[in-house]
C-alpha atoms as a PDB file:
ATOM      1  CA  MET A   1      19.379  57.911 205.052  1.00  0.00           C
ATOM      2  CA  GLY A   2      18.139  55.141 207.339  1.00  0.00           C
ATOM      3  CA  ILE A   3      16.564  57.764 209.624  1.00  0.00           C
ATOM      4  CA  VAL A   4      14.610  59.289 206.730  1.00  0.00           C
ATOM      5  CA  GLN A   5      13.380  55.890 205.561  1.00  0.00           C
ATOM      6  CA  LYS A   6      12.318  55.027 209.106  1.00  0.00           C
ATOM      7  CA  VAL A   7      10.345  58.253 209.416  1.00  0.00           C
ATOM      8  CA  VAL A   8       8.677  57.844 206.020  1.00  0.00           C
ATOM      9  CA  GLY A   9       7.656  54.308 206.909  1.00  0.00           C
ATOM     10  CA  GLU A  10       6.756  54.614 210.595  1.00  0.00           C
ATOM     11  CA  ALA A  11       5.860  58.173 211.642  1.00  0.00           C
ATOM     12  CA  ASP A  12       2.205  58.779 212.502  1.00  0.00           C
ATOM     13  CA  ASP A  13       0.173  61.923 213.154  1.00  0.00           C
ATOM     14  CA  GLU A  14       0.070  61.605 216.930  1.00  0.00           C
ATOM     15  CA  GLU A  15       2.098  63.827 219.236  1.00  0.00           C
ATOM     16  CA  GLY A  16       4.500  61.965 221.477  1.00  0.00           C
ATOM     17  CA  PRO A  17       6.041  63.121 224.783  1.00  0.00           C
ATOM     18  CA  ALA A  18       9.011  64.794 223.100  1.00  0.00           C
ATOM     19  CA  ASP A  19       7.466  66.073 219.839  1.00  0.00           C
ATOM     20  CA  ARG A  20       7.212  69.665 221.025  1.00  0.00           C
ATOM     21  CA  TRP A  21      10.770  69.467 222.327  1.00  0.00           C
ATOM     22  CA  LEU A  22      12.068  68.095 219.006  1.00  0.00           C
ATOM     23  CA  LEU A  23      10.697  71.118 217.144  1.00  0.00           C
ATOM     24  CA  ALA A  24      12.240  73.475 219.720  1.00  0.00           C
ATOM     25  CA  ALA A  25      15.585  71.641 219.620  1.00  0.00           C
ATOM     26  CA  THR A  26      15.558  71.805 215.824  1.00  0.00           C
ATOM     27  CA  ASP A  27      14.919  75.555 216.055  1.00  0.00           C
ATOM     28  CA  ARG A  28      17.902  75.839 218.389  1.00  0.00           C
ATOM     29  CA  SER A  29      20.150  73.898 216.004  1.00  0.00           C
ATOM     30  CA  LEU A  30      18.923  76.055 213.128  1.00  0.00           C
ATOM     31  CA  GLU A  31      19.843  79.173 215.093  1.00  0.00           C
ATOM     32  CA  ILE A  32      23.327  77.833 215.867  1.00  0.00           C
ATOM     33  CA  ILE A  33      23.933  76.888 212.223  1.00  0.00           C
ATOM     34  CA  SER A  34      22.695  80.241 210.918  1.00  0.00           C
ATOM     35  CA  GLN A  35      24.801  82.236 213.384  1.00  0.00           C
ATOM     36  CA  ASN A  36      27.939  80.273 212.519  1.00  0.00           C
ATOM     37  CA  LEU A  37      27.364  80.652 208.801  1.00  0.00           C
ATOM     38  CA  GLU A  38      26.984  84.420 209.222  1.00  0.00           C
ATOM     39  CA  LYS A  39      30.372  84.461 210.980  1.00  0.00           C
ATOM     40  CA  ALA A  40      31.929  82.209 208.322  1.00  0.00           C
ATOM     41  CA  LYS A  41      32.457  79.461 210.902  1.00  0.00           C
ATOM     42  CA  THR A  42      31.660  76.724 208.439  1.00  0.00           C
ATOM     43  CA  ARG A  43      33.123  73.874 210.467  1.00  0.00           C
ATOM     44  CA  SER A  44      31.037  74.747 213.541  1.00  0.00           C
ATOM     45  CA  ALA A  45      27.927  75.120 211.412  1.00  0.00           C
ATOM     46  CA  CYS A  46      28.536  71.746 209.764  1.00  0.00           C
ATOM     47  CA  SER A  47      29.148  70.085 213.140  1.00  0.00           C
ATOM     48  CA  GLU A  48      25.767  71.282 214.427  1.00  0.00           C
ATOM     49  CA  ALA A  49      24.014  70.278 211.188  1.00  0.00           C
ATOM     50  CA  VAL A  50      25.381  66.745 211.475  1.00  0.00           C
ATOM     51  CA  TYR A  51      26.116  65.889 215.114  1.00  0.00           C
ATOM     52  CA  GLY A  52      23.884  68.377 216.893  1.00  0.00           C
ATOM     53  CA  MET A  53      20.867  67.257 214.908  1.00  0.00           C
ATOM     54  CA  LEU A  54      21.823  63.599 215.337  1.00  0.00           C
ATOM     55  CA  ASN A  55      21.966  64.047 219.117  1.00  0.00           C
ATOM     56  CA  ASN A  56      18.525  65.681 218.994  1.00  0.00           C
ATOM     57  CA  TRP A  57      17.217  62.648 217.156  1.00  0.00           C
ATOM     58  CA  ARG A  58      18.754  60.172 219.580  1.00  0.00           C
ATOM     59  CA  TRP A  59      17.168  61.839 222.610  1.00  0.00           C
ATOM     60  CA  TYR A  60      13.836  62.037 220.797  1.00  0.00           C
ATOM     61  CA  LEU A  61      13.859  58.284 220.149  1.00  0.00           C
ATOM     62  CA  ARG A  62      14.870  57.540 223.719  1.00  0.00           C
ATOM     63  CA  ARG A  63      12.274  59.883 225.191  1.00  0.00           C
ATOM     64  CA  ASN A  64       9.473  58.583 222.962  1.00  0.00           C
ATOM     65  CA  GLY A  65      10.395  54.961 223.551  1.00  0.00           C
ATOM     66  CA  GLY A  66      11.189  54.548 219.861  1.00  0.00           C
ATOM     67  CA  LYS A  67       7.779  55.747 218.685  1.00  0.00           C
ATOM     68  CA  LEU A  68       7.766  58.355 215.904  1.00  0.00           C
ATOM     69  CA  GLY A  69       5.240  61.174 216.140  1.00  0.00           C
ATOM     70  CA  LYS A  70       4.296  63.896 213.704  1.00  0.00           C
ATOM     71  CA  ALA A  71       7.278  66.076 214.645  1.00  0.00           C
ATOM     72  CA  ALA A  72       9.606  63.441 213.176  1.00  0.00           C
ATOM     73  CA  ARG A  73       8.444  64.341 209.660  1.00  0.00           C
ATOM     74  CA  VAL A  74       9.111  68.029 210.224  1.00  0.00           C
ATOM     75  CA  PHE A  75      12.500  67.154 211.696  1.00  0.00           C
ATOM     76  CA  VAL A  76      13.821  65.124 208.743  1.00  0.00           C
ATOM     77  CA  GLU A  77      12.538  67.649 206.204  1.00  0.00           C
ATOM     78  CA  ARG A  78      14.304  70.517 207.940  1.00  0.00           C
ATOM     79  CA  TRP A  79      17.396  68.378 208.541  1.00  0.00           C
ATOM     80  CA  ALA A  80      17.726  67.773 204.814  1.00  0.00           C
ATOM     81  CA  LEU A  81      17.594  71.519 204.171  1.00  0.00           C
ATOM     82  CA  MET A  82      20.165  72.240 206.896  1.00  0.00           C
ATOM     83  CA  LEU A  83      22.497  69.597 205.448  1.00  0.00           C
ATOM     84  CA  SER A  84      22.232  70.944 201.924  1.00  0.00           C
ATOM     85  CA  PRO A  85      25.164  73.422 202.189  1.00  0.00           C
ATOM     86  CA  PHE A  86      27.477  70.808 203.711  1.00  0.00           C
ATOM     87  CA  ALA A  87      26.401  67.412 202.327  1.00  0.00           C
ATOM     88  CA  PRO A  88      24.436  68.183 199.129  1.00  0.00           C
ATOM     89  CA  PHE A  89      24.274  64.619 197.840  1.00  0.00           C
ATOM     90  CA  ALA A  90      22.929  63.263 201.157  1.00  0.00           C
ATOM     91  CA  ALA A  91      20.464  66.144 201.365  1.00  0.00           C
ATOM     92  CA  GLU A  92      19.099  65.524 197.861  1.00  0.00           C
ATOM     93  CA  GLU A  93      18.822  61.777 198.464  1.00  0.00           C
ATOM     94  CA  ALA A  94      16.879  62.440 201.662  1.00  0.00           C
ATOM     95  CA  TRP A  95      14.656  64.957 199.835  1.00  0.00           C
ATOM     96  CA  ALA A  96      13.859  62.414 197.141  1.00  0.00           C
ATOM     97  CA  THR A  97      13.176  59.676 199.713  1.00  0.00           C
ATOM     98  CA  MET A  98      10.565  61.956 201.267  1.00  0.00           C
ATOM     99  CA  ALA A  99       9.016  62.369 197.783  1.00  0.00           C
ATOM    100  CA  LYS A 100       9.432  66.146 197.932  1.00  0.00           C
ATOM    101  CA  ASP A 101       9.150  68.245 194.781  1.00  0.00           C
ATOM    102  CA  GLY A 102      12.175  69.900 193.257  1.00  0.00           C
ATOM    103  CA  TYR A 103      15.604  69.959 194.874  1.00  0.00           C
ATOM    104  CA  ALA A 104      16.584  70.582 198.471  1.00  0.00           C
ATOM    105  CA  CYS A 105      19.232  73.094 197.434  1.00  0.00           C
ATOM    106  CA  LEU A 106      16.578  75.268 195.769  1.00  0.00           C
ATOM    107  CA  GLN A 107      14.270  75.435 198.786  1.00  0.00           C
ATOM    108  CA  SER A 108      14.048  78.360 201.182  1.00  0.00           C
ATOM    109  CA  TRP A 109      16.160  78.167 204.328  1.00  0.00           C
ATOM    110  CA  PRO A 110      13.890  76.770 207.090  1.00  0.00           C
ATOM    111  CA  SER A 111      12.297  79.049 209.658  1.00  0.00           C
ATOM    112  CA  LYS A 112      11.427  78.410 213.306  1.00  0.00           C
ATOM    113  CA  SER A 113       8.391  76.230 213.987  1.00  0.00           C
ATOM    114  CA  ALA A 114       8.218  75.513 217.737  1.00  0.00           C
ATOM    115  CA  GLY A 115       6.292  78.625 218.794  1.00  0.00           C
ATOM    116  CA  PRO A 116       6.596  80.718 221.971  1.00  0.00           C
ATOM    117  CA  GLU A 117       6.646  77.693 224.301  1.00  0.00           C
ATOM    118  CA  GLY A 118       9.850  76.364 222.762  1.00  0.00           C
ATOM    119  CA  LEU A 119      12.090  77.595 225.585  1.00  0.00           C
ATOM    120  CA  GLU A 120       9.947  75.873 228.183  1.00  0.00           C
ATOM    121  CA  ALA A 121      10.186  72.590 226.252  1.00  0.00           C
ATOM    122  CA  LEU A 122      13.968  72.904 225.924  1.00  0.00           C
ATOM    123  CA  VAL A 123      14.562  73.564 229.628  1.00  0.00           C
ATOM    124  CA  TYR A 124      12.060  70.866 230.641  1.00  0.00           C
ATOM    125  CA  GLU A 125      13.960  68.219 228.688  1.00  0.00           C
ATOM    126  CA  GLU A 126      17.362  69.427 229.916  1.00  0.00           C
ATOM    127  CA  ILE A 127      16.199  69.011 233.511  1.00  0.00           C
ATOM    128  CA  LEU A 128      14.762  65.614 232.629  1.00  0.00           C
ATOM    129  CA  LYS A 129      18.094  64.543 231.123  1.00  0.00           C
ATOM    130  CA  ASP A 130      19.857  65.620 234.325  1.00  0.00           C
ATOM    131  CA  LEU A 131      17.371  63.703 236.482  1.00  0.00           C
ATOM    132  CA  VAL A 132      17.775  60.492 234.471  1.00  0.00           C
ATOM    133  CA  SER A 133      21.550  60.899 234.677  1.00  0.00           C
ATOM    134  CA  ASP A 134      21.366  61.481 238.453  1.00  0.00           C
ATOM    135  CA  VAL A 135      19.337  58.298 238.943  1.00  0.00           C
ATOM    136  CA  ARG A 136      21.843  56.271 236.944  1.00  0.00           C
ATOM    137  CA  GLU A 137      24.764  57.727 238.910  1.00  0.00           C
ATOM    138  CA  VAL A 138      23.104  56.835 242.212  1.00  0.00           C
ATOM    139  CA  LEU A 139      22.388  53.339 240.880  1.00  0.00           C
ATOM    140  CA  LYS A 140      26.134  52.789 240.334  1.00  0.00           C
ATOM    141  CA  ILE A 141      26.849  53.065 244.057  1.00  0.00           C
ATOM    142  CA  VAL A 142      23.826  51.206 245.401  1.00  0.00           C
ATOM    143  CA  LYS A 143      24.771  48.197 247.506  1.00  0.00           C
ATOM    144  CA  GLY A 144      22.629  45.129 246.984  1.00  0.00           C
ATOM    145  CA  LYS A 145      20.070  44.352 244.298  1.00  0.00           C
ATOM    146  CA  PRO A 146      17.735  47.319 243.679  1.00  0.00           C
ATOM    147  CA  VAL A 147      14.071  46.307 243.563  1.00  0.00           C
ATOM    148  CA  GLU A 148      12.334  49.688 243.705  1.00  0.00           C
ATOM    149  CA  LEU A 149      13.134  53.329 243.066  1.00  0.00           C
ATOM    150  CA  LYS A 150      11.472  55.905 245.286  1.00  0.00           C
ATOM    151  CA  MET A 151      11.657  59.539 244.266  1.00  0.00           C
ATOM    152  CA  PHE A 152      10.760  62.126 246.895  1.00  0.00           C
ATOM    153  CA  MET A 153       9.402  65.501 245.807  1.00  0.00           C
ATOM    154  CA  ALA A 154      10.221  68.511 247.993  1.00  0.00           C
ATOM    155  CA  SER A 155       7.659  69.625 250.564  1.00  0.00           C
ATOM    156  CA  GLY A 156       5.340  72.567 250.058  1.00  0.00           C
ATOM    157  CA  TRP A 157       7.347  75.118 252.036  1.00  0.00           C
ATOM    158  CA  LYS A 158      10.348  74.553 249.783  1.00  0.00           C
ATOM    159  CA  LYS A 159       8.267  75.251 246.684  1.00  0.00           C
ATOM    160  CA  ALA A 160       6.904  78.386 248.379  1.00  0.00           C
ATOM    161  CA  ALA A 161      10.493  79.443 249.061  1.00  0.00           C
ATOM    162  CA  ALA A 162      11.407  78.853 245.423  1.00  0.00           C
ATOM    163  CA  LEU A 163       8.543  81.020 244.179  1.00  0.00           C
ATOM    164  CA  ALA A 164       9.448  83.765 246.653  1.00  0.00           C
ATOM    165  CA  LEU A 165      13.076  83.680 245.507  1.00  0.00           C
ATOM    166  CA  ILE A 166      11.991  84.055 241.892  1.00  0.00           C
ATOM    167  CA  ASP A 167       9.627  86.954 242.569  1.00  0.00           C
ATOM    168  CA  GLN A 168      11.840  89.023 244.833  1.00  0.00           C
ATOM    169  CA  SER A 169      14.109  91.803 243.587  1.00  0.00           C
ATOM    170  CA  PRO A 170      16.899  91.012 243.095  1.00  0.00           C
ATOM    171  CA  PRO A 171      16.062  87.299 242.632  1.00  0.00           C
ATOM    172  CA  TYR A 172      17.857  84.598 244.621  1.00  0.00           C
ATOM    173  CA  ASP A 173      19.377  87.129 247.070  1.00  0.00           C
ATOM    174  CA  LEU A 174      19.407  85.392 250.457  1.00  0.00           C
ATOM    175  CA  LYS A 175      19.730  88.614 252.452  1.00  0.00           C
ATOM    176  CA  VAL A 176      16.583  89.994 250.845  1.00  0.00           C
ATOM    177  CA  PHE A 177      14.821  86.654 251.294  1.00  0.00           C
ATOM    178  CA  LYS A 178      15.703  86.492 255.003  1.00  0.00           C
ATOM    179  CA  THR A 179      14.262  89.981 255.508  1.00  0.00           C
ATOM    180  CA  GLU A 180      11.087  89.502 253.478  1.00  0.00           C
ATOM    181  CA  ASN A 181      10.399  85.818 254.272  1.00  0.00           C
ATOM    182  CA  ALA A 182      11.719  85.301 257.788  1.00  0.00           C
ATOM    183  CA  GLU A 183       9.378  82.412 258.592  1.00  0.00           C
ATOM    184  CA  LEU A 184      10.325  80.420 255.488  1.00  0.00           C
ATOM    185  CA  PHE A 185      14.013  81.197 255.967  1.00  0.00           C
ATOM    186  CA  SER A 186      13.903  79.920 259.558  1.00  0.00           C
ATOM    187  CA  LYS A 187      12.739  76.498 258.345  1.00  0.00           C
ATOM    188  CA  GLY A 188      16.154  75.863 256.820  1.00  0.00           C
ATOM    189  CA  PRO A 189      18.662  78.554 255.784  1.00  0.00           C
ATOM    190  CA  SER A 190      20.970  76.028 254.126  1.00  0.00           C
ATOM    191  CA  VAL A 191      18.037  74.516 252.226  1.00  0.00           C
ATOM    192  CA  VAL A 192      16.952  77.944 250.975  1.00  0.00           C
ATOM    193  CA  ALA A 193      20.520  78.528 249.780  1.00  0.00           C
ATOM    194  CA  LYS A 194      20.426  75.253 247.815  1.00  0.00           C
ATOM    195  CA  ILE A 195      17.059  76.199 246.287  1.00  0.00           C
ATOM    196  CA  ALA A 196      18.464  79.568 245.179  1.00  0.00           C
ATOM    197  CA  GLU A 197      21.469  77.808 243.641  1.00  0.00           C
ATOM    198  CA  LYS A 198      19.236  75.373 241.740  1.00  0.00           C
ATOM    199  CA  LEU A 199      17.019  78.169 240.401  1.00  0.00           C
ATOM    200  CA  ARG A 200      20.064  80.155 239.310  1.00  0.00           C
ATOM    201  CA  GLU A 201      21.463  77.079 237.562  1.00  0.00           C
ATOM    202  CA  THR A 202      18.138  76.474 235.795  1.00  0.00           C
ATOM    203  CA  GLU A 203      17.932  80.064 234.616  1.00  0.00           C
ATOM    204  CA  GLU A 204      21.473  79.795 233.255  1.00  0.00           C
ATOM    205  CA  LYS A 205      20.379  76.764 231.240  1.00  0.00           C
ATOM    206  CA  ALA A 206      17.512  78.799 229.801  1.00  0.00           C
ATOM    207  CA  ARG A 207      19.770  81.746 228.950  1.00  0.00           C
ATOM    208  CA  SER A 208      22.266  79.473 227.204  1.00  0.00           C
ATOM    209  CA  MET A 209      19.474  78.285 224.906  1.00  0.00           C
ATOM    210  CA  GLN A 210      17.826  81.640 224.297  1.00  0.00           C
ATOM    211  CA  PRO A 211      20.128  84.502 225.365  1.00  0.00           C
ATOM    212  CA  SER A 212      17.834  87.216 224.013  1.00  0.00           C
ATOM    213  CA  GLY A 213      14.707  85.844 225.659  1.00  0.00           C
ATOM    214  CA  SER A 214      12.722  87.524 228.401  1.00  0.00           C
ATOM    215  CA  LEU A 215      10.590  84.600 229.567  1.00  0.00           C
ATOM    216  CA  PHE A 216      12.871  83.176 232.230  1.00  0.00           C
ATOM    217  CA  VAL A 217      10.659  83.969 235.233  1.00  0.00           C
ATOM    218  CA  SER A 218       7.531  82.560 233.604  1.00  0.00           C
ATOM    219  CA  VAL A 219       9.451  79.465 232.471  1.00  0.00           C
ATOM    220  CA  LEU A 220      10.778  78.808 235.986  1.00  0.00           C
ATOM    221  CA  LYS A 221       7.308  79.167 237.479  1.00  0.00           C
ATOM    222  CA  LYS A 222       5.797  76.860 234.869  1.00  0.00           C
ATOM    223  CA  LEU A 223       8.469  74.242 235.549  1.00  0.00           C
ATOM    224  CA  LEU A 224       7.742  74.400 239.278  1.00  0.00           C
ATOM    225  CA  ASP A 225       4.030  73.928 238.540  1.00  0.00           C
ATOM    226  CA  MET A 226       4.850  70.955 236.307  1.00  0.00           C
ATOM    227  CA  GLU A 227       7.332  69.346 238.694  1.00  0.00           C
ATOM    228  CA  SER A 228       5.216  66.273 239.445  1.00  0.00           C
ATOM    229  CA  LYS A 229       4.818  65.591 235.704  1.00  0.00           C
ATOM    230  CA  LEU A 230       8.541  66.092 235.195  1.00  0.00           C
ATOM    231  CA  LEU A 231       9.373  63.556 237.883  1.00  0.00           C
ATOM    232  CA  GLU A 232       6.763  61.104 236.582  1.00  0.00           C
ATOM    233  CA  ASP A 233       8.326  61.351 233.115  1.00  0.00           C
ATOM    234  CA  CYS A 234      11.719  60.597 234.632  1.00  0.00           C
ATOM    235  CA  LEU A 235      10.387  57.568 236.497  1.00  0.00           C
ATOM    236  CA  SER A 236       8.648  56.326 233.367  1.00  0.00           C
ATOM    237  CA  MET A 237      11.918  56.432 231.417  1.00  0.00           C
ATOM    238  CA  ILE A 238      13.855  54.743 234.212  1.00  0.00           C
ATOM    239  CA  SER A 239      11.201  52.026 234.535  1.00  0.00           C
ATOM    240  CA  GLN A 240      11.392  51.288 230.811  1.00  0.00           C
ATOM    241  CA  GLU A 241      15.180  51.377 230.584  1.00  0.00           C
ATOM    242  CA  ILE A 242      16.252  49.442 233.675  1.00  0.00           C
ATOM    243  CA  LYS A 243      13.047  47.468 234.361  1.00  0.00           C
ATOM    244  CA  ILE A 244      12.496  48.460 237.953  1.00  0.00           C
ATOM    245  CA  SER A 245       9.432  49.398 239.966  1.00  0.00           C
ATOM    246  CA  THR A 246       9.199  53.146 240.637  1.00  0.00           C
ATOM    247  CA  LYS A 247       7.178  55.350 242.976  1.00  0.00           C
ATOM    248  CA  LEU A 248       6.800  59.120 243.262  1.00  0.00           C
ATOM    249  CA  LEU A 249       6.230  60.326 246.831  1.00  0.00           C
ATOM    250  CA  ARG A 250       6.129  63.593 248.695  1.00  0.00           C
ATOM    251  CA  GLU A 251       8.901  64.295 251.180  1.00  0.00           C
ATOM    252  CA  GLU A 252       6.444  63.834 254.078  1.00  0.00           C
ATOM    253  CA  GLU A 253       5.606  60.297 252.920  1.00  0.00           C
ATOM    254  CA  ALA A 254       9.067  58.922 253.670  1.00  0.00           C
ATOM    255  CA  ALA A 255       9.050  56.081 256.197  1.00  0.00           C
ATOM    256  CA  GLY A 256      11.975  54.832 258.210  1.00  0.00           C
ATOM    257  CA  GLU A 257      15.141  56.605 259.303  1.00  0.00           C
ATOM    258  CA  LYS A 258      17.073  56.150 256.040  1.00  0.00           C
ATOM    259  CA  GLU A 259      14.184  57.209 253.822  1.00  0.00           C
ATOM    260  CA  ILE A 260      13.380  60.257 255.929  1.00  0.00           C
ATOM    261  CA  SER A 261      17.023  61.321 255.972  1.00  0.00           C
ATOM    262  CA  LYS A 262      17.216  61.015 252.188  1.00  0.00           C
ATOM    263  CA  ALA A 263      13.844  62.679 251.550  1.00  0.00           C
ATOM    264  CA  LYS A 264      14.893  65.759 253.523  1.00  0.00           C
ATOM    265  CA  GLN A 265      17.570  66.417 250.882  1.00  0.00           C
ATOM    266  CA  SER A 266      14.945  67.106 248.199  1.00  0.00           C
ATOM    267  CA  ILE A 267      14.498  70.594 246.799  1.00  0.00           C
ATOM    268  CA  PRO A 268      12.263  71.825 243.951  1.00  0.00           C
ATOM    269  CA  LEU A 269      13.391  70.435 240.558  1.00  0.00           C
ATOM    270  CA  LYS A 270      15.911  68.182 242.330  1.00  0.00           C
ATOM    271  CA  PRO A 271      14.157  65.305 244.106  1.00  0.00           C
ATOM    272  CA  ALA A 272      15.713  62.874 246.541  1.00  0.00           C
ATOM    273  CA  ILE A 273      16.516  59.497 244.966  1.00  0.00           C
ATOM    274  CA  TYR A 274      16.227  56.363 247.089  1.00  0.00           C
ATOM    275  CA  PHE A 275      16.667  52.752 245.960  1.00  0.00           C
ATOM    276  CA  VAL A 276      15.067  49.938 247.950  1.00  0.00           C
ATOM    277  CA  THR A 277      17.318  46.885 247.825  1.00  0.00           C
ATOM    278  CA  GLU A 278      17.096  43.210 248.672  1.00  0.00           C
END
């Protein structure tokens, strides 16, 4: 109930960084709940309605820095409707707090609202979560006091290799890639293999969220185009959460033996992470 009251009192009409994702994540939870109800898996449906939606909310707050955008209102309204079969009293109290007419239990079951770009938003945020987690894991083993975080984005040839791997048939096949892109392959066979593995992993994330979708290639390409924004979003979150200076650099901008060695490990969608220490 505290979440609903917070939204009613604080949400504005602006769109925050994670508003589009919140609608897509809510759609995904709705799909999971509906599928489980159809199979009479009531416990699984209830778990998603309570804990799945709560986890969506927690990431949204973290991603938006606590600010509530217009998607928050849509979220709590649909959450109340999803809770109605499992926690009717809580659902009706939430419905009344939002000053909605009638009763939640008498409303139509919610429908999807994120639109065709929902899958892109879901995968974008999953990669962002992984990046933030990677930075925090690296921070645990840093010796000395960290004073700056440098994130190195993969060089242009690696992105070209990624796009070629996506477009070829079959995708991610290194034998085909070596034949059709000999010059790129010669720059680093082991690096190309890591790029293929990362792309395959990213596509698997997309398929787990939307198994019946057919937009995986376009989503991967869009994510590669948006990589600098993705990394900037990660650095922004890290800067806010651990209060450290951050800098996004290209692989070629590394200076010094240690930095250069680390920067060379970067591949598209998986940058190299380097902490400067005192």
